[in-house]
Amino acid sequence: MHYSIKIASLMWIFSVFASTNTLLAQEYDLIIKGGHVIDPKNKVDEVMDVAVSDGTIARLAKNIDTAQAVQVVDARGLYVVPGLIDIHTHHFWGTKLDQNYMNGPSAFPPDGFTFRNGITTVVDAGSSGWTSFPDFKKQTIDLSKTRVLAFLNIVGQGMRGGPYEQNTADMDAKMSALTARQYPEHIVGFKVAHYEGYDWTPVERAVEAGKLAGGLPTMIDFGGSTPPLPIRELFMEKLQPGDIFTHAFAQLGAREYLVDMQTEKVKPFVYEARKRGIKFDVGYGGISFAFSQAIPAIREGFYPDAISTDIHIGSMNGSMKDMLTVMDKFMAMGMSLQAVIEASTWQPAQLIKREELGNLSVGAVADIAVLGIREGNFGLFDYIGHRITSKKRLECQVTVRGGSIVYDYNGLANPLNVDFRKYLREENIRRKTMREH
C-alpha cells in the first residue's frame, strides 16, 4: 500500500518537473494563430500570427512556430484586433439608492460586461467628481480586471443626480485639476453632464480644469436648455482642440443637432469644428443616439472619432445593448470593418492621450480581442423606433488582457487552462482584497 503511494507520488513529481521544463523551454506565453490582424496604428490588415510574452506583444509575423508557445489560440477565420476601448461608460456602482451613477444603482461593475465584448479598457464618463473619486478608485478601479480610467465630473460629487448636478457652486476647476494631477494614472480628463439651463458655467469650469491639469481634454454631454445653447459657439469659442463632444448623434428637443433635419446634411460649421480639433464621440446611451442623425452623417462620410456605449443599467437593456452591437450599427450604416475597429481602438486611445493602448505594436501591452462575424438576418433599432437590418454581426471569441486570456467563448485556446492553481491563487487574493475593502 505504502509502496504504491510512493510510486504515485514520484510519478506526479516527475510530471510536474517535465511540465516545468517544457514551459521554460518555450519562448512565448501565447500565440494567436492564423487570424486576420487589423491594427490601425501600424496599418496592418492581413493574416498574421501574434505572439505574446510577459504580458506584452512579442512578435507579429507569418507562421510563428506554435511549438514555441505555452498556449495557442486557433484564430483561423477570425479577426485579431487590439483590445477595444470604450471611452463612455458608468461603473461607479453602489448601494446609495438616491445617487444615480455616483455610488448608486444605475451603474454596475465592469468585468461582467467588458471581456465578453472584447473590451479591455473603459473610461468612466464623469460618474465621480473630485470629492468622490477616491471612493470610486477604491471600490471599482482597484478591484477590476478591466483597465478602468476616468473622466472626472466638474461637479465635485459627480453624477449624484437631481439638484446636485445643477449646483455651479460645486464646480471647482482648481480642485478638479489637483485631483487629476494626484491620480494621473487613472484620470484622463473632465466631464460636463446633465446640466439644464442656458448657462456656459459648467463648460467654462471644465475647460479651465483641463488647462490647469496640463492640457487634459473635456468631454461634453450638453445637457439641455430652452432655447438650446448654440453648438457652433461651443465648438468654435468655448472648447479647446482635443475636447470631445459626446452623444454626437443624439436627437433631443433641448439640444441642437449636428445634422440639419431639413437638408439631412451635417451643418457646415461642424466640419470647421473638426478641422479646429474638436472630437466627436458616439456615447450611445439610452436616448442619445438616433438613426435620423447618424445615417445622413455616415452617408456623407462624417464618421465618429470614437465609438462608445454610454453603458449603464438602462441603456444595456434598451436599443444600445453593448459595444459590439453599437459597432454593428455603424457597419450596417456603411462604415467598413477597418474603420469601425479604428474608432474602437486606436482613435479613442489618442483622444484620451493613452497611445500605449489600442494597438498591437511590439512591446505594447497585450490587450487583444479575437472577433468573429456571424452571418444572418439581424434587426438593429434605436430608441425612437427606427429599425434597420444587417447581414452581419460581430461576436467576441477570445479576449486577452495583459497577456492572459480572460474570456474564451468557444474554448479556442489549447490548453484551455495553463495553470489552474495560479488562477485559484489569484482569485483568492482578489476575494480577500474585496473583503478588506
Protein backbone atom coordinates (compact mmCIF):
# COMPACT_ATOMS: atom_id res chain seq x y z
CA MET A 1 0.00 0.00 0.00
CA HIS A 2 2.71 2.48 1.08
CA TYR A 3 4.84 1.37 -1.89
CA SER A 4 2.00 2.21 -4.33
CA ILE A 5 1.55 5.63 -2.76
CA LYS A 6 5.28 6.36 -3.09
CA ILE A 7 5.28 5.30 -6.76
CA ALA A 8 2.26 7.53 -7.46
CA SER A 9 3.91 10.47 -5.69
CA LEU A 10 7.13 10.03 -7.66
CA MET A 11 5.19 9.90 -10.93
CA TRP A 12 3.35 13.12 -10.03
CA ILE A 13 6.63 14.89 -9.15
CA PHE A 14 8.17 13.71 -12.42
CA SER A 15 5.19 15.06 -14.42
CA VAL A 16 5.44 18.44 -12.67
CA PHE A 17 9.18 18.69 -13.46
CA ALA A 18 8.57 17.62 -17.05
CA SER A 19 5.83 20.24 -17.47
CA THR A 20 8.02 22.90 -15.87
CA ASN A 21 10.94 22.12 -18.19
CA THR A 22 8.64 22.27 -21.20
CA LEU A 23 7.29 25.66 -20.12
CA LEU A 24 10.79 27.01 -19.51
CA ALA A 25 11.85 25.92 -22.98
CA GLN A 26 9.07 27.85 -24.71
CA GLU A 27 9.71 31.37 -25.93
CA TYR A 28 6.14 32.70 -25.88
CA ASP A 29 3.32 32.54 -23.37
CA LEU A 30 0.67 32.72 -26.09
CA ILE A 31 0.38 32.61 -29.85
CA ILE A 32 -2.82 33.69 -31.62
CA LYS A 33 -2.59 31.67 -34.80
CA GLY A 34 -3.89 32.31 -38.30
CA GLY A 35 -6.23 35.26 -37.66
CA HIS A 36 -6.73 38.31 -39.84
CA VAL A 37 -4.95 41.06 -37.91
CA ILE A 38 -6.36 44.60 -38.07
CA ASP A 39 -4.05 47.04 -36.30
CA PRO A 40 -4.89 50.57 -37.50
CA LYS A 41 -1.96 52.30 -35.81
CA ASN A 42 0.56 50.14 -37.63
CA LYS A 43 -1.52 49.82 -40.82
CA VAL A 44 -1.63 46.02 -40.55
CA ASP A 45 -4.59 44.40 -42.35
CA GLU A 46 -3.71 40.80 -43.24
CA VAL A 47 -3.50 37.26 -41.92
CA MET A 48 -0.67 37.04 -39.37
CA ASP A 49 0.23 35.33 -36.11
CA VAL A 50 0.55 37.31 -32.89
CA ALA A 51 2.96 36.16 -30.16
CA VAL A 52 2.73 37.30 -26.55
CA SER A 53 5.39 37.14 -23.86
CA ASP A 54 5.47 38.57 -20.33
CA GLY A 55 2.23 40.45 -20.86
CA THR A 56 3.33 42.30 -23.98
CA ILE A 57 3.20 41.85 -27.75
CA ALA A 58 6.40 39.99 -28.63
CA ARG A 59 6.06 39.45 -32.38
CA LEU A 60 3.77 39.74 -35.41
CA ALA A 61 4.74 37.51 -38.30
CA LYS A 62 3.61 34.85 -40.73
CA ASN A 63 3.75 31.26 -39.49
CA ILE A 64 5.21 31.58 -36.00
CA ASP A 65 6.03 28.09 -34.72
CA THR A 66 3.36 27.10 -32.22
CA ALA A 67 5.78 24.71 -30.53
CA GLN A 68 7.37 27.84 -29.06
CA ALA A 69 4.21 28.76 -27.12
CA VAL A 70 2.77 27.61 -23.81
CA GLN A 71 -0.73 28.28 -25.12
CA VAL A 72 -2.17 28.67 -28.63
CA VAL A 73 -5.43 30.21 -29.82
CA ASP A 74 -6.74 28.99 -33.17
CA ALA A 75 -7.97 32.20 -34.82
CA ARG A 76 -8.39 30.95 -38.37
CA GLY A 77 -11.37 32.67 -39.98
CA LEU A 78 -11.45 35.31 -37.23
CA TYR A 79 -10.22 38.88 -36.81
CA VAL A 80 -7.48 39.75 -34.31
CA VAL A 81 -7.60 43.38 -33.17
CA PRO A 82 -6.34 45.49 -30.28
CA GLY A 83 -8.46 45.25 -27.14
CA LEU A 84 -11.46 47.53 -27.58
CA ILE A 85 -11.60 50.85 -25.70
CA ASP A 86 -15.00 52.17 -24.60
CA ILE A 87 -14.48 55.80 -23.60
CA HIS A 88 -18.01 56.43 -22.28
CA THR A 89 -19.23 54.11 -19.50
CA HIS A 90 -20.68 54.29 -15.97
CA HIS A 91 -19.18 51.96 -13.38
CA PHE A 92 -19.32 53.82 -10.04
CA TRP A 93 -21.81 51.29 -8.71
CA GLY A 94 -23.03 51.24 -5.14
CA THR A 95 -25.94 50.89 -2.73
CA LYS A 96 -26.94 54.54 -2.28
CA LEU A 97 -30.36 54.28 -3.87
CA ASP A 98 -30.81 58.05 -4.27
CA GLN A 99 -27.46 58.67 -6.01
CA ASN A 100 -27.90 57.52 -9.61
CA TYR A 101 -24.46 56.90 -11.22
CA MET A 102 -22.37 58.08 -8.25
CA ASN A 103 -22.06 55.14 -5.86
CA GLY A 104 -25.58 54.21 -6.86
CA PRO A 105 -27.78 51.62 -8.58
CA SER A 106 -27.70 52.96 -12.15
CA ALA A 107 -24.03 51.97 -12.62
CA PHE A 108 -22.51 48.47 -12.43
CA PRO A 109 -19.13 46.68 -12.09
CA PRO A 110 -17.35 46.45 -15.46
CA ASP A 111 -15.82 42.96 -15.64
CA GLY A 112 -19.03 41.05 -16.31
CA PHE A 113 -19.74 43.06 -19.47
CA THR A 114 -16.38 44.11 -20.89
CA PHE A 115 -14.40 40.98 -21.73
CA ARG A 116 -17.31 39.22 -23.43
CA ASN A 117 -17.35 42.21 -25.81
CA GLY A 118 -13.61 42.29 -26.45
CA ILE A 119 -13.23 45.41 -24.28
CA THR A 120 -10.07 45.68 -22.22
CA THR A 121 -10.23 49.39 -21.28
CA VAL A 122 -13.15 51.55 -20.21
CA VAL A 123 -13.33 55.22 -19.31
CA ASP A 124 -15.98 56.06 -16.75
CA ALA A 125 -17.52 59.28 -18.03
CA GLY A 126 -17.99 61.55 -15.06
CA SER A 127 -19.69 59.29 -12.53
CA SER A 128 -17.27 60.60 -9.90
CA GLY A 129 -16.11 64.12 -9.13
CA TRP A 130 -13.10 65.31 -7.19
CA THR A 131 -14.69 64.65 -3.78
CA SER A 132 -15.96 61.15 -4.64
CA PHE A 133 -13.14 59.87 -6.86
CA PRO A 134 -11.17 58.22 -4.01
CA ASP A 135 -14.19 56.01 -3.24
CA PHE A 136 -14.61 55.15 -6.93
CA LYS A 137 -10.95 54.21 -7.16
CA LYS A 138 -11.15 52.05 -4.04
CA GLN A 139 -14.29 50.10 -4.88
CA THR A 140 -14.13 49.88 -8.69
CA ILE A 141 -10.79 50.80 -10.27
CA ASP A 142 -8.63 48.90 -7.80
CA LEU A 143 -10.80 45.75 -7.87
CA SER A 144 -11.43 45.40 -11.60
CA LYS A 145 -9.55 43.21 -14.06
CA THR A 146 -10.69 45.60 -16.78
CA ARG A 147 -8.49 48.68 -17.04
CA VAL A 148 -10.73 51.45 -15.66
CA LEU A 149 -9.86 55.09 -16.39
CA ALA A 150 -11.99 58.15 -15.67
CA PHE A 151 -13.22 61.50 -16.88
CA LEU A 152 -13.68 63.47 -13.66
CA ASN A 153 -17.02 65.26 -13.38
CA ILE A 154 -16.69 69.01 -12.95
CA VAL A 155 -19.35 68.66 -10.23
CA GLY A 156 -17.41 67.75 -7.09
CA GLN A 157 -19.79 64.98 -6.03
CA GLY A 158 -20.16 63.58 -9.53
CA MET A 159 -23.37 62.17 -11.02
CA ARG A 160 -25.38 62.10 -7.84
CA GLY A 161 -28.45 63.22 -9.77
CA GLY A 162 -31.12 65.87 -9.43
CA PRO A 163 -30.21 69.27 -7.97
CA TYR A 164 -26.70 68.15 -7.07
CA GLU A 165 -25.67 68.18 -10.74
CA GLN A 166 -27.09 71.70 -11.18
CA ASN A 167 -25.03 73.24 -8.39
CA THR A 168 -22.48 75.53 -10.04
CA ALA A 169 -21.01 76.28 -6.60
CA ASP A 170 -19.78 72.66 -6.56
CA MET A 171 -17.98 73.06 -9.91
CA ASP A 172 -14.42 73.77 -8.77
CA ALA A 173 -11.86 73.84 -11.58
CA LYS A 174 -8.86 74.11 -9.25
CA MET A 175 -9.76 71.17 -7.01
CA SER A 176 -10.74 69.05 -10.01
CA ALA A 177 -7.37 69.75 -11.64
CA LEU A 178 -5.48 69.00 -8.41
CA THR A 179 -7.27 65.64 -8.15
CA ALA A 180 -6.37 64.81 -11.75
CA ARG A 181 -2.73 65.63 -11.03
CA GLN A 182 -2.88 63.44 -7.91
CA TYR A 183 -4.15 60.44 -9.92
CA PRO A 184 -2.52 60.78 -13.37
CA GLU A 185 -2.56 57.00 -13.89
CA HIS A 186 -6.34 56.93 -13.78
CA ILE A 187 -7.83 60.33 -14.68
CA VAL A 188 -7.73 61.22 -18.38
CA GLY A 189 -9.87 64.35 -18.49
CA PHE A 190 -13.02 66.10 -17.29
CA LYS A 191 -16.74 65.76 -17.94
CA VAL A 192 -19.70 68.09 -18.17
CA ALA A 193 -23.05 66.30 -17.92
CA HIS A 194 -26.77 66.75 -17.30
CA TYR A 195 -26.72 70.50 -16.66
CA GLU A 196 -30.05 72.13 -17.51
CA GLY A 197 -30.09 75.81 -18.36
CA TYR A 198 -28.83 78.49 -20.72
CA ASP A 199 -25.51 78.88 -18.94
CA TRP A 200 -21.93 78.28 -20.06
CA THR A 201 -20.55 78.00 -16.49
CA PRO A 202 -20.14 74.17 -16.40
CA VAL A 203 -18.34 74.15 -19.76
CA GLU A 204 -16.07 77.02 -18.81
CA ARG A 205 -15.15 75.45 -15.45
CA ALA A 206 -14.37 72.06 -17.02
CA VAL A 207 -12.24 73.57 -19.79
CA GLU A 208 -10.40 75.61 -17.15
CA ALA A 209 -9.76 72.40 -15.16
CA GLY A 210 -8.32 70.80 -18.29
CA LYS A 211 -5.89 73.68 -18.73
CA LEU A 212 -4.88 73.65 -15.04
CA ALA A 213 -4.29 69.90 -15.21
CA GLY A 214 -1.77 70.29 -18.00
CA GLY A 215 -3.93 70.04 -21.10
CA LEU A 216 -6.38 67.22 -20.37
CA PRO A 217 -9.46 67.02 -22.61
CA THR A 218 -13.02 67.80 -21.59
CA MET A 219 -15.92 65.57 -22.64
CA ILE A 220 -19.18 67.46 -23.11
CA ASP A 221 -22.63 65.95 -22.56
CA PHE A 222 -24.52 69.13 -23.40
CA GLY A 223 -27.47 68.67 -21.05
CA GLY A 224 -30.35 70.81 -22.23
CA SER A 225 -31.92 74.25 -22.26
CA THR A 226 -34.78 76.19 -23.85
CA PRO A 227 -33.75 77.59 -26.22
CA PRO A 228 -30.82 75.20 -26.78
CA LEU A 229 -27.30 76.54 -26.32
CA PRO A 230 -25.68 77.00 -29.77
CA ILE A 231 -23.23 74.23 -30.56
CA ARG A 232 -21.35 76.44 -33.02
CA GLU A 233 -20.37 78.69 -30.13
CA LEU A 234 -19.47 75.63 -28.06
CA PHE A 235 -17.19 74.21 -30.78
CA MET A 236 -15.60 77.41 -32.04
CA GLU A 237 -15.34 79.57 -28.90
CA LYS A 238 -15.70 77.54 -25.71
CA LEU A 239 -13.88 74.24 -26.29
CA GLN A 240 -10.18 73.61 -26.86
CA PRO A 241 -8.69 71.43 -29.62
CA GLY A 242 -8.84 67.84 -28.39
CA ASP A 243 -12.03 68.32 -26.40
CA ILE A 244 -14.75 65.74 -27.03
CA PHE A 245 -18.42 66.24 -27.92
CA THR A 246 -20.24 63.08 -26.82
CA HIS A 247 -23.77 61.97 -27.82
CA ALA A 248 -22.81 63.24 -31.26
CA PHE A 249 -25.81 61.61 -32.97
CA ALA A 250 -28.43 62.49 -30.37
CA GLN A 251 -31.77 63.98 -31.38
CA LEU A 252 -33.24 65.56 -28.27
CA GLY A 253 -35.52 68.56 -28.10
CA ALA A 254 -33.43 70.60 -25.66
CA ARG A 255 -30.22 70.30 -27.72
CA GLU A 256 -29.09 71.46 -31.14
CA TYR A 257 -28.32 68.63 -33.59
CA LEU A 258 -25.27 68.08 -35.80
CA VAL A 259 -27.42 67.18 -38.82
CA ASP A 260 -29.86 69.74 -40.21
CA MET A 261 -33.20 67.92 -40.30
CA GLN A 262 -34.41 69.94 -43.29
CA THR A 263 -31.45 69.27 -45.57
CA GLU A 264 -30.35 65.97 -43.96
CA LYS A 265 -26.78 67.26 -44.13
CA VAL A 266 -24.17 67.80 -41.43
CA LYS A 267 -24.08 71.51 -40.65
CA PRO A 268 -21.05 73.13 -42.33
CA PHE A 269 -19.64 74.57 -39.08
CA VAL A 270 -19.37 71.01 -37.70
CA TYR A 271 -16.68 70.30 -40.31
CA GLU A 272 -14.98 73.56 -39.32
CA ALA A 273 -15.03 72.37 -35.70
CA ARG A 274 -13.44 69.06 -36.69
CA LYS A 275 -10.66 70.94 -38.51
CA ARG A 276 -10.18 73.00 -35.36
CA GLY A 277 -9.58 69.78 -33.41
CA ILE A 278 -12.94 69.10 -31.77
CA LYS A 279 -13.56 65.34 -31.47
CA PHE A 280 -16.90 63.54 -31.83
CA ASP A 281 -17.87 60.53 -29.71
CA VAL A 282 -20.93 58.31 -30.14
CA GLY A 283 -21.86 57.89 -26.44
CA TYR A 284 -24.91 55.88 -27.47
CA GLY A 285 -26.73 55.71 -24.12
CA GLY A 286 -30.43 55.18 -23.57
CA ILE A 287 -31.83 58.08 -25.65
CA SER A 288 -28.67 59.70 -27.02
CA PHE A 289 -28.49 58.08 -30.45
CA ALA A 290 -30.90 58.36 -33.37
CA PHE A 291 -30.53 56.84 -36.83
CA SER A 292 -32.11 60.01 -38.24
CA GLN A 293 -28.91 61.81 -37.21
CA ALA A 294 -26.37 59.04 -37.75
CA ILE A 295 -27.43 57.72 -41.17
CA PRO A 296 -27.14 61.07 -43.02
CA ALA A 297 -23.82 61.80 -41.28
CA ILE A 298 -22.28 58.43 -42.15
CA ARG A 299 -23.65 58.64 -45.69
CA GLU A 300 -21.66 61.84 -46.32
CA GLY A 301 -18.54 60.46 -44.65
CA PHE A 302 -18.79 62.15 -41.24
CA TYR A 303 -17.54 59.27 -39.08
CA PRO A 304 -17.20 59.41 -35.29
CA ASP A 305 -13.74 59.76 -33.77
CA ALA A 306 -14.76 57.22 -31.12
CA ILE A 307 -17.45 54.58 -30.92
CA SER A 308 -18.66 54.20 -27.34
CA THR A 309 -21.67 52.88 -25.44
CA ASP A 310 -22.59 55.15 -22.51
CA ILE A 311 -23.45 51.83 -20.89
CA HIS A 312 -25.48 51.80 -17.70
CA ILE A 313 -28.33 49.73 -16.26
CA GLY A 314 -30.86 51.43 -18.52
CA SER A 315 -29.03 51.58 -21.83
CA MET A 316 -27.75 47.99 -21.74
CA ASN A 317 -31.31 46.68 -21.87
CA GLY A 318 -32.56 49.21 -24.41
CA SER A 319 -31.60 49.61 -28.06
CA MET A 320 -27.89 50.04 -27.27
CA LYS A 321 -27.22 46.55 -25.80
CA ASP A 322 -23.39 46.53 -25.79
CA MET A 323 -20.22 47.69 -27.56
CA LEU A 324 -20.35 45.13 -30.37
CA THR A 325 -23.97 45.99 -31.15
CA VAL A 326 -23.07 49.68 -31.47
CA MET A 327 -20.20 48.71 -33.78
CA ASP A 328 -22.62 46.54 -35.78
CA LYS A 329 -24.85 49.57 -36.36
CA PHE A 330 -22.03 51.64 -37.80
CA MET A 331 -21.05 48.83 -40.15
CA ALA A 332 -24.68 48.50 -41.21
CA MET A 333 -24.77 52.24 -41.95
CA GLY A 334 -21.76 51.98 -44.25
CA MET A 335 -18.54 52.16 -42.27
CA SER A 336 -16.01 49.45 -43.11
CA LEU A 337 -14.93 46.91 -40.53
CA GLN A 338 -11.49 48.52 -40.54
CA ALA A 339 -12.91 52.00 -39.86
CA VAL A 340 -15.12 50.66 -37.06
CA ILE A 341 -12.16 48.88 -35.44
CA GLU A 342 -10.07 52.07 -35.65
CA ALA A 343 -12.85 54.09 -33.99
CA SER A 344 -12.99 51.49 -31.21
CA THR A 345 -9.24 51.11 -30.56
CA TRP A 346 -6.53 53.44 -31.82
CA GLN A 347 -8.59 56.63 -32.22
CA PRO A 348 -10.06 56.59 -28.69
CA ALA A 349 -6.58 55.79 -27.31
CA GLN A 350 -5.37 59.02 -28.89
CA LEU A 351 -8.36 61.01 -27.64
CA ILE A 352 -7.57 60.10 -24.03
CA LYS A 353 -3.81 60.50 -24.58
CA ARG A 354 -3.07 56.85 -23.84
CA GLU A 355 -1.21 55.98 -27.03
CA GLU A 356 0.36 52.94 -25.40
CA LEU A 357 -3.10 51.38 -25.75
CA GLY A 358 -5.24 50.50 -28.75
CA ASN A 359 -2.52 48.90 -30.86
CA LEU A 360 -0.52 45.71 -31.38
CA SER A 361 2.95 47.24 -31.61
CA VAL A 362 5.79 45.03 -30.41
CA GLY A 363 6.35 45.92 -26.77
CA ALA A 364 2.79 47.20 -26.25
CA VAL A 365 0.64 45.71 -23.51
CA ALA A 366 -1.01 42.55 -24.84
CA ASP A 367 -4.66 43.63 -24.79
CA ILE A 368 -6.26 41.74 -27.68
CA ALA A 369 -9.73 40.89 -28.96
CA VAL A 370 -10.45 38.00 -31.31
CA LEU A 371 -13.69 38.70 -33.14
CA GLY A 372 -15.85 36.68 -35.48
CA ILE A 373 -18.57 37.79 -37.87
CA ARG A 374 -21.84 35.91 -37.68
CA GLU A 375 -23.92 35.98 -40.86
CA GLY A 376 -27.72 36.00 -40.87
CA ASN A 377 -30.68 38.37 -40.82
CA PHE A 378 -30.44 40.85 -37.95
CA GLY A 379 -32.51 43.81 -36.82
CA LEU A 380 -30.92 46.94 -35.34
CA PHE A 381 -33.07 49.73 -33.91
CA ASP A 382 -32.86 53.00 -31.98
CA TYR A 383 -34.94 54.33 -29.10
CA ILE A 384 -37.20 56.30 -31.44
CA GLY A 385 -38.23 53.07 -33.17
CA HIS A 386 -36.24 53.38 -36.39
CA ARG A 387 -35.13 49.88 -37.45
CA ILE A 388 -32.52 48.83 -40.00
CA THR A 389 -31.34 45.37 -41.00
CA SER A 390 -27.93 43.80 -41.36
CA LYS A 391 -26.48 40.56 -42.68
CA LYS A 392 -23.53 40.63 -40.28
CA ARG A 393 -22.93 40.88 -36.56
CA LEU A 394 -19.70 40.92 -34.60
CA GLU A 395 -19.12 38.28 -31.95
CA CYS A 396 -16.26 38.11 -29.46
CA GLN A 397 -14.49 34.76 -29.35
CA VAL A 398 -11.45 35.48 -27.16
CA THR A 399 -10.25 38.43 -25.08
CA VAL A 400 -6.69 38.80 -23.80
CA ARG A 401 -5.94 41.33 -21.06
CA GLY A 402 -2.31 41.99 -20.16
CA GLY A 403 -1.19 38.79 -21.87
CA SER A 404 -3.70 36.46 -20.16
CA ILE A 405 -6.86 35.01 -21.67
CA VAL A 406 -9.76 36.43 -19.67
CA TYR A 407 -12.60 35.30 -21.97
CA ASP A 408 -12.86 32.32 -24.33
CA TYR A 409 -16.34 31.86 -25.78
CA ASN A 410 -15.81 28.57 -27.63
CA GLY A 411 -12.73 27.09 -25.98
CA LEU A 412 -10.33 28.06 -28.78
CA ALA A 413 -7.26 28.07 -26.52
CA ASN A 414 -5.04 25.00 -26.27
CA PRO A 415 -4.52 24.09 -23.49
CA LEU A 416 -7.65 25.70 -22.09
CA ASN A 417 -6.12 26.44 -18.70
CA VAL A 418 -2.34 26.72 -18.40
CA ASP A 419 -2.23 26.86 -14.62
CA PHE A 420 -5.48 26.34 -12.77
CA ARG A 421 -3.72 26.60 -9.43
CA LYS A 422 -2.41 30.05 -10.40
CA TYR A 423 -5.97 31.07 -11.27
CA LEU A 424 -7.22 29.87 -7.87
CA ARG A 425 -4.44 31.76 -6.06
CA GLU A 426 -5.22 34.99 -7.94
CA GLU A 427 -8.95 34.59 -7.37
CA ASN A 428 -8.45 34.01 -3.63
CA ILE A 429 -6.28 37.12 -3.41
CA ARG A 430 -8.89 39.15 -5.30
CA ARG A 431 -11.71 37.96 -3.00
CA LYS A 432 -9.63 38.66 0.11
CA THR A 433 -8.93 42.18 -1.17
CA MET A 434 -12.66 42.76 -1.75
CA ARG A 435 -13.45 41.65 1.81
CA GLU A 436 -10.81 44.03 3.21
CA HIS A 437 -12.25 46.93 1.23
